[in-house]
C-alpha cells in the first residue's frame, strides 16, 4: 500500500471507525480507494468542526471544490489527499456534481439556522451521508451500485440522523440547531428555545421524534438490505451502526441533550462484522 494510502487508512481508523472496519470486508484492491473517499469526508468534517468562524471554512470548502474540478492543478498536486481524490474521481468516473452538492450541503454545518422542515433535513442527509455511501458503492461496482441507490438513500439518512443526535450537546454549545423547524414546532420549541435548552420536556420530545425519524429510515433500509448485491455490500455496512444510538435515544431521549454515553468500538465492530457475515 502506498504511503499516502496508509495515511488515509489511519485517518479513517481514527475518525470513522465503522467505515474503517467496513472497508476491511471490501476486496483488497478496492480498500485504498475507499480509504481515500472516507479520508476526504473526515477532512471536510474536521475543517468544519475545528473553527467557529464560518468565513475561513467556506473559503477552504471552496478551495476543495476547485481542486476537485481541476481548477487548482498546482496546489492540488502538492496536497496528497487532493492528488488521490483527483485520481479517484478519474479512475471511477465519480460525478463531480455529487461532490459539489456534498460540499454545498456541508456549509450548513457552519451556521446556526435550523432546517426549515423535515424534508430539508432528509435532503441534507441525502447530499452528504447517502451520497458518500453511493459513491463508495460505485467504487466497488458501478453496475450494482445503480440497483442499490434507494438503500443508500434510506441508509444515509439513518446514519446521518444518528450522528446529528450524538453531537447535539456540542452543536447546542456552539449555538447551532441541526434539527427541523417543523418538528421543533410540533414539540413546542423553536430554534432559540432549543439552543437555550430550558424546556427539558420539549427537548426530550423533539429528540425522540428525530430518533424515530432515523429509525424509520433504518427500517426501510433493512428491508432493502437483502437485495443489495454482494459486490457493493461493504459500502453499506456502516449503516448497521446507526440503530445503536437511535434506539438508545428513542428509549431515553433526555440522553441526547446530556452527554450521551459513547458507543464502544467493540459494539460498532460487532454491528458491522455481524452484518458483513450474515
Protein backbone atom coordinates (compact mmCIF):
# COMPACT_ATOMS: atom_id res chain seq x y z
CA UNK A 1 0.00 0.00 0.00
CA UNK A 2 1.46 3.42 -0.92
CA UNK A 3 2.45 5.68 1.98
CA UNK A 4 -0.39 8.13 1.30
CA UNK A 5 -2.95 5.32 1.24
CA UNK A 6 -1.66 4.08 4.58
CA UNK A 7 -2.04 7.58 5.98
CA UNK A 8 -5.62 7.78 4.71
CA UNK A 9 -6.44 4.43 6.30
CA UNK A 10 -5.09 5.70 9.61
CA UNK A 11 -7.19 8.86 9.29
CA UNK A 12 -10.32 6.78 8.75
CA UNK A 13 -9.42 4.43 11.60
CA UNK A 14 -9.10 7.41 13.95
CA UNK A 15 -12.14 9.40 12.79
CA UNK A 16 -14.62 6.91 11.34
CA UNK A 17 -14.19 3.52 12.96
CA UNK A 18 -17.28 1.86 11.41
CA UNK A 19 -16.15 2.74 7.88
CA UNK A 20 -12.63 1.58 8.68
CA UNK A 21 -13.96 -1.81 9.74
CA UNK A 22 -16.39 -1.97 6.80
CA UNK A 23 -13.55 -1.36 4.34
CA UNK A 24 -11.78 -4.49 5.60
CA UNK A 25 -14.61 -6.53 4.06
CA UNK A 26 -14.03 -4.98 0.62
CA UNK A 27 -11.74 -6.62 -1.95
CA UNK A 28 -8.14 -5.77 -1.17
CA UNK A 29 -7.68 -3.89 -4.46
CA UNK A 30 -10.58 -1.56 -3.57
CA UNK A 31 -9.66 -0.68 0.02
CA UNK A 32 -7.19 2.11 -0.74
CA UNK A 33 -9.78 3.89 -2.89
CA UNK A 34 -12.43 3.57 -0.17
CA UNK A 35 -9.99 4.96 2.37
CA UNK A 36 -9.31 7.92 0.08
CA UNK A 37 -13.03 8.72 -0.17
CA UNK A 38 -13.60 8.29 3.56
CA UNK A 39 -10.50 10.33 4.43
CA UNK A 40 -11.88 13.16 2.28
CA UNK A 41 -15.15 13.04 4.24
CA UNK A 42 -13.20 13.03 7.53
CA UNK A 43 -11.12 16.01 6.38
CA UNK A 44 -14.19 18.09 5.48
CA UNK A 45 -15.79 17.32 8.85
CA UNK A 46 -12.52 18.20 10.62
CA UNK A 47 -12.36 21.56 8.84
CA UNK A 48 -15.94 22.36 9.84
CA UNK A 49 -15.67 21.27 13.45
CA UNK A 50 -12.37 22.95 14.31
CA UNK A 51 -13.46 26.54 13.55
CA UNK A 52 -16.18 28.77 14.98
CA UNK A 53 -15.72 31.35 12.20
CA UNK A 54 -17.67 30.36 9.06
CA UNK A 55 -15.78 32.56 6.59
CA UNK A 56 -12.38 30.80 6.53
CA UNK A 57 -14.16 27.45 6.47
CA UNK A 58 -16.27 28.48 3.48
CA UNK A 59 -13.06 29.60 1.75
CA UNK A 60 -11.47 26.22 2.45
CA UNK A 61 -14.54 24.35 1.18
CA UNK A 62 -14.43 26.44 -1.99
CA UNK A 63 -10.75 25.56 -2.32
CA UNK A 64 -11.66 21.88 -2.20
CA UNK A 65 -14.41 22.42 -4.77
CA UNK A 66 -11.91 24.00 -7.15
CA UNK A 67 -9.30 21.28 -6.51
CA UNK A 68 -11.79 18.54 -7.39
CA UNK A 69 -12.80 20.43 -10.53
CA UNK A 70 -9.17 20.63 -11.58
CA UNK A 71 -9.03 24.43 -11.30
CA UNK A 72 -6.13 24.43 -8.83
CA UNK A 73 -3.81 21.98 -10.55
CA UNK A 74 -0.56 23.22 -9.00
CA UNK A 75 -1.93 23.42 -5.45
CA UNK A 76 -3.80 20.15 -5.77
CA UNK A 77 -0.62 18.32 -6.83
CA UNK A 78 1.08 19.40 -3.60
CA UNK A 79 -1.74 18.05 -1.43
CA UNK A 80 -1.63 14.22 -1.07
CA UNK A 81 -5.36 13.92 -0.47
CA UNK A 82 -6.09 16.30 -3.33
CA UNK A 83 -3.96 14.20 -5.70
CA UNK A 84 -5.61 10.99 -4.51
CA UNK A 85 -9.12 12.44 -4.88
CA UNK A 86 -8.46 13.61 -8.43
CA UNK A 87 -7.18 10.15 -9.31
CA UNK A 88 -10.16 8.54 -7.59
CA UNK A 89 -12.68 10.67 -9.48
CA UNK A 90 -10.95 9.98 -12.79
CA UNK A 91 -10.50 6.23 -12.23
CA UNK A 92 -14.07 5.55 -11.13
CA UNK A 93 -15.77 8.35 -13.09
CA UNK A 94 -17.34 9.71 -9.92
CA UNK A 95 -19.75 12.58 -10.65
CA UNK A 96 -18.27 15.98 -9.85
CA UNK A 97 -21.73 17.44 -9.28
CA UNK A 98 -22.24 14.99 -6.39
CA UNK A 99 -19.11 16.36 -4.70
CA UNK A 100 -20.26 19.90 -5.41
CA UNK A 101 -23.62 19.22 -3.74
CA UNK A 102 -21.84 17.47 -0.87
CA UNK A 103 -19.63 20.49 -0.20
CA UNK A 104 -22.53 22.91 -0.59
CA UNK A 105 -24.59 20.91 1.92
CA UNK A 106 -21.72 20.81 4.39
CA UNK A 107 -21.73 24.61 4.63
CA UNK A 108 -25.00 24.28 6.58
CA UNK A 109 -22.95 22.92 9.47
CA UNK A 110 -21.24 26.32 9.77
CA UNK A 111 -24.36 28.29 10.65
CA UNK A 112 -27.00 28.48 13.37
CA UNK A 113 -30.19 28.04 11.38
CA UNK A 114 -32.49 25.08 11.90
CA UNK A 115 -33.50 23.06 8.88
CA UNK A 116 -36.73 24.62 7.54
CA UNK A 117 -38.54 21.29 7.72
CA UNK A 118 -38.09 17.53 7.88
CA UNK A 119 -37.90 17.29 4.09
CA UNK A 120 -34.91 19.66 4.13
CA UNK A 121 -33.18 17.59 6.80
CA UNK A 122 -33.65 14.41 4.78
CA UNK A 123 -32.40 16.15 1.64
CA UNK A 124 -29.28 17.30 3.50
CA UNK A 125 -28.66 13.74 4.69
CA UNK A 126 -29.04 12.61 1.10
CA UNK A 127 -26.48 15.05 -0.26
CA UNK A 128 -23.93 14.13 2.41
CA UNK A 129 -24.28 10.72 4.04
CA UNK A 130 -26.28 8.94 1.33
CA UNK A 131 -24.06 10.36 -1.41
CA UNK A 132 -20.97 9.02 0.35
CA UNK A 133 -22.50 5.53 0.52
CA UNK A 134 -23.47 5.67 -3.15
CA UNK A 135 -20.01 6.82 -4.26
CA UNK A 136 -18.40 4.04 -2.22
CA UNK A 137 -20.71 1.60 -3.96
CA UNK A 138 -19.68 2.97 -7.37
CA UNK A 139 -16.03 2.43 -6.43
CA UNK A 140 -16.82 -1.20 -5.58
CA UNK A 141 -19.04 -1.97 -8.58
CA UNK A 142 -20.68 0.76 -10.68
CA UNK A 143 -23.26 -1.56 -12.25
CA UNK A 144 -24.51 -2.98 -8.96
CA UNK A 145 -24.36 0.47 -7.33
CA UNK A 146 -27.20 1.62 -9.57
CA UNK A 147 -29.54 -1.01 -8.16
CA UNK A 148 -28.79 -0.01 -4.56
CA UNK A 149 -29.50 3.72 -4.80
CA UNK A 150 -32.72 3.52 -2.76
CA UNK A 151 -30.96 1.61 0.01
CA UNK A 152 -28.20 4.25 0.02
CA UNK A 153 -30.84 6.95 0.38
CA UNK A 154 -32.55 5.46 3.42
CA UNK A 155 -29.33 4.18 4.98
CA UNK A 156 -27.64 7.54 4.63
CA UNK A 157 -30.50 9.35 6.36
CA UNK A 158 -30.48 6.87 9.27
CA UNK A 159 -26.71 7.19 9.69
CA UNK A 160 -26.68 10.99 9.43
CA UNK A 161 -29.56 11.42 11.88
CA UNK A 162 -27.73 9.19 14.33
CA UNK A 163 -24.62 11.38 14.02
CA UNK A 164 -26.65 14.58 14.45
CA UNK A 165 -28.24 13.31 17.66
CA UNK A 166 -24.90 12.11 19.02
CA UNK A 167 -23.48 15.63 18.63
CA UNK A 168 -26.38 17.69 19.97
CA UNK A 169 -24.56 18.80 23.16
CA UNK A 170 -21.62 20.10 21.10
CA UNK A 171 -23.70 21.81 18.43
CA UNK A 172 -26.01 23.41 21.03
CA UNK A 173 -22.94 24.73 22.85
CA UNK A 174 -21.97 26.47 19.60
CA UNK A 175 -25.46 27.98 19.30
CA UNK A 176 -26.38 25.68 16.43
CA UNK A 177 -29.60 23.79 15.80
CA UNK A 178 -29.32 20.86 13.39
CA UNK A 179 -32.98 19.89 13.74
CA UNK A 180 -36.00 20.61 11.51
CA UNK A 181 -38.18 23.58 12.42
CA UNK A 182 -41.43 21.68 11.84
CA UNK A 183 -40.52 19.00 14.41
CA UNK A 184 -39.31 21.66 16.82
CA UNK A 185 -42.63 23.49 16.48
CA UNK A 186 -44.67 20.29 16.90
CA UNK A 187 -42.79 19.63 20.14
CA UNK A 188 -43.31 23.18 21.47
CA UNK A 189 -39.91 24.63 20.61
CA UNK A 190 -38.24 27.00 18.18
CA UNK A 191 -34.55 27.39 17.36
CA UNK A 192 -33.91 29.82 20.19
CA UNK A 193 -35.73 27.65 22.72
CA UNK A 194 -33.78 24.62 21.61
CA UNK A 195 -30.43 26.37 22.00
CA UNK A 196 -31.46 27.72 25.41
CA UNK A 197 -32.35 24.19 26.49
CA UNK A 198 -34.63 25.24 29.34
CA UNK A 199 -37.75 23.22 28.46
CA UNK A 200 -36.42 19.75 29.15
CA UNK A 201 -39.71 18.00 28.40
CA UNK A 202 -39.93 19.63 24.97
CA UNK A 203 -36.26 18.86 24.33
CA UNK A 204 -36.93 15.20 25.07
CA UNK A 205 -39.96 15.16 22.77
CA UNK A 206 -38.03 16.53 19.81
CA UNK A 207 -35.10 14.18 20.41
CA UNK A 208 -37.46 11.21 20.42
CA UNK A 209 -39.19 12.43 17.25
CA UNK A 210 -35.89 12.81 15.39
CA UNK A 211 -34.62 9.42 16.63
CA UNK A 212 -37.84 7.80 15.41
CA UNK A 213 -37.39 9.52 12.04
CA UNK A 214 -33.95 7.93 11.77
CA UNK A 215 -35.25 4.52 12.87
CA UNK A 216 -37.98 4.73 10.24
CA UNK A 217 -35.38 5.16 7.53
CA UNK A 218 -33.29 2.36 9.00
CA UNK A 219 -36.30 0.04 8.87
CA UNK A 220 -36.73 0.85 5.16
CA UNK A 221 -33.01 0.32 4.59
CA UNK A 222 -33.10 -3.01 6.43
CA UNK A 223 -35.97 -4.20 4.23
CA UNK A 224 -33.89 -3.41 1.15
CA UNK A 225 -30.60 -4.78 2.53
CA UNK A 226 -31.15 -8.41 1.43
CA UNK A 227 -31.36 -7.18 -2.17
CA UNK A 228 -28.04 -5.29 -2.09
CA UNK A 229 -25.51 -7.01 -4.33
CA UNK A 230 -22.63 -8.68 -2.54
CA UNK A 231 -20.14 -6.67 -4.60
CA UNK A 232 -21.24 -3.35 -3.07
CA UNK A 233 -22.21 -4.57 0.39
CA UNK A 234 -19.12 -3.11 2.18
CA UNK A 235 -20.31 0.41 1.28
CA UNK A 236 -23.49 -0.17 3.29
CA UNK A 237 -22.09 -1.91 6.37
CA UNK A 238 -21.58 1.31 8.43
CA UNK A 239 -25.36 1.90 8.34
CA UNK A 240 -25.83 -1.01 10.74
CA UNK A 241 -24.21 1.10 13.47
CA UNK A 242 -26.99 3.72 13.24
CA UNK A 243 -29.63 1.95 15.37
CA UNK A 244 -27.20 1.57 18.28
CA UNK A 245 -27.55 5.30 19.02
CA UNK A 246 -31.04 5.85 17.62
CA UNK A 247 -32.67 3.13 19.73
CA UNK A 248 -30.92 4.36 22.86
CA UNK A 249 -32.19 7.92 22.38
CA UNK A 250 -35.69 6.81 21.36
CA UNK A 251 -35.89 4.87 24.65
CA UNK A 252 -34.35 7.65 26.77
CA UNK A 253 -34.50 10.91 24.76
CA UNK A 254 -33.01 13.01 27.55
CA UNK A 255 -29.66 11.39 26.73
CA UNK A 256 -29.40 13.43 23.54
CA UNK A 257 -29.11 16.69 25.47
CA UNK A 258 -26.77 15.46 28.16
CA UNK A 259 -23.55 13.71 27.31
CA UNK A 260 -24.71 10.57 25.52
CA UNK A 261 -22.69 7.55 26.68
CA UNK A 262 -20.25 6.65 23.95
CA UNK A 263 -20.92 3.52 21.94
CA UNK A 264 -17.82 1.38 22.25
CA UNK A 265 -15.63 0.42 19.34
CA UNK A 266 -16.41 -3.21 20.18
CA UNK A 267 -20.17 -2.72 19.76
CA UNK A 268 -19.64 -0.88 16.49
CA UNK A 269 -17.26 -3.59 15.28
CA UNK A 270 -19.77 -6.27 16.22
CA UNK A 271 -22.62 -4.49 14.38
CA UNK A 272 -20.55 -4.09 11.20
CA UNK A 273 -18.99 -7.56 11.30
CA UNK A 274 -22.27 -9.32 12.03
CA UNK A 275 -23.93 -7.53 9.10
CA UNK A 276 -20.99 -8.48 6.86
CA UNK A 277 -21.17 -12.21 7.56
CA UNK A 278 -24.94 -12.51 7.91
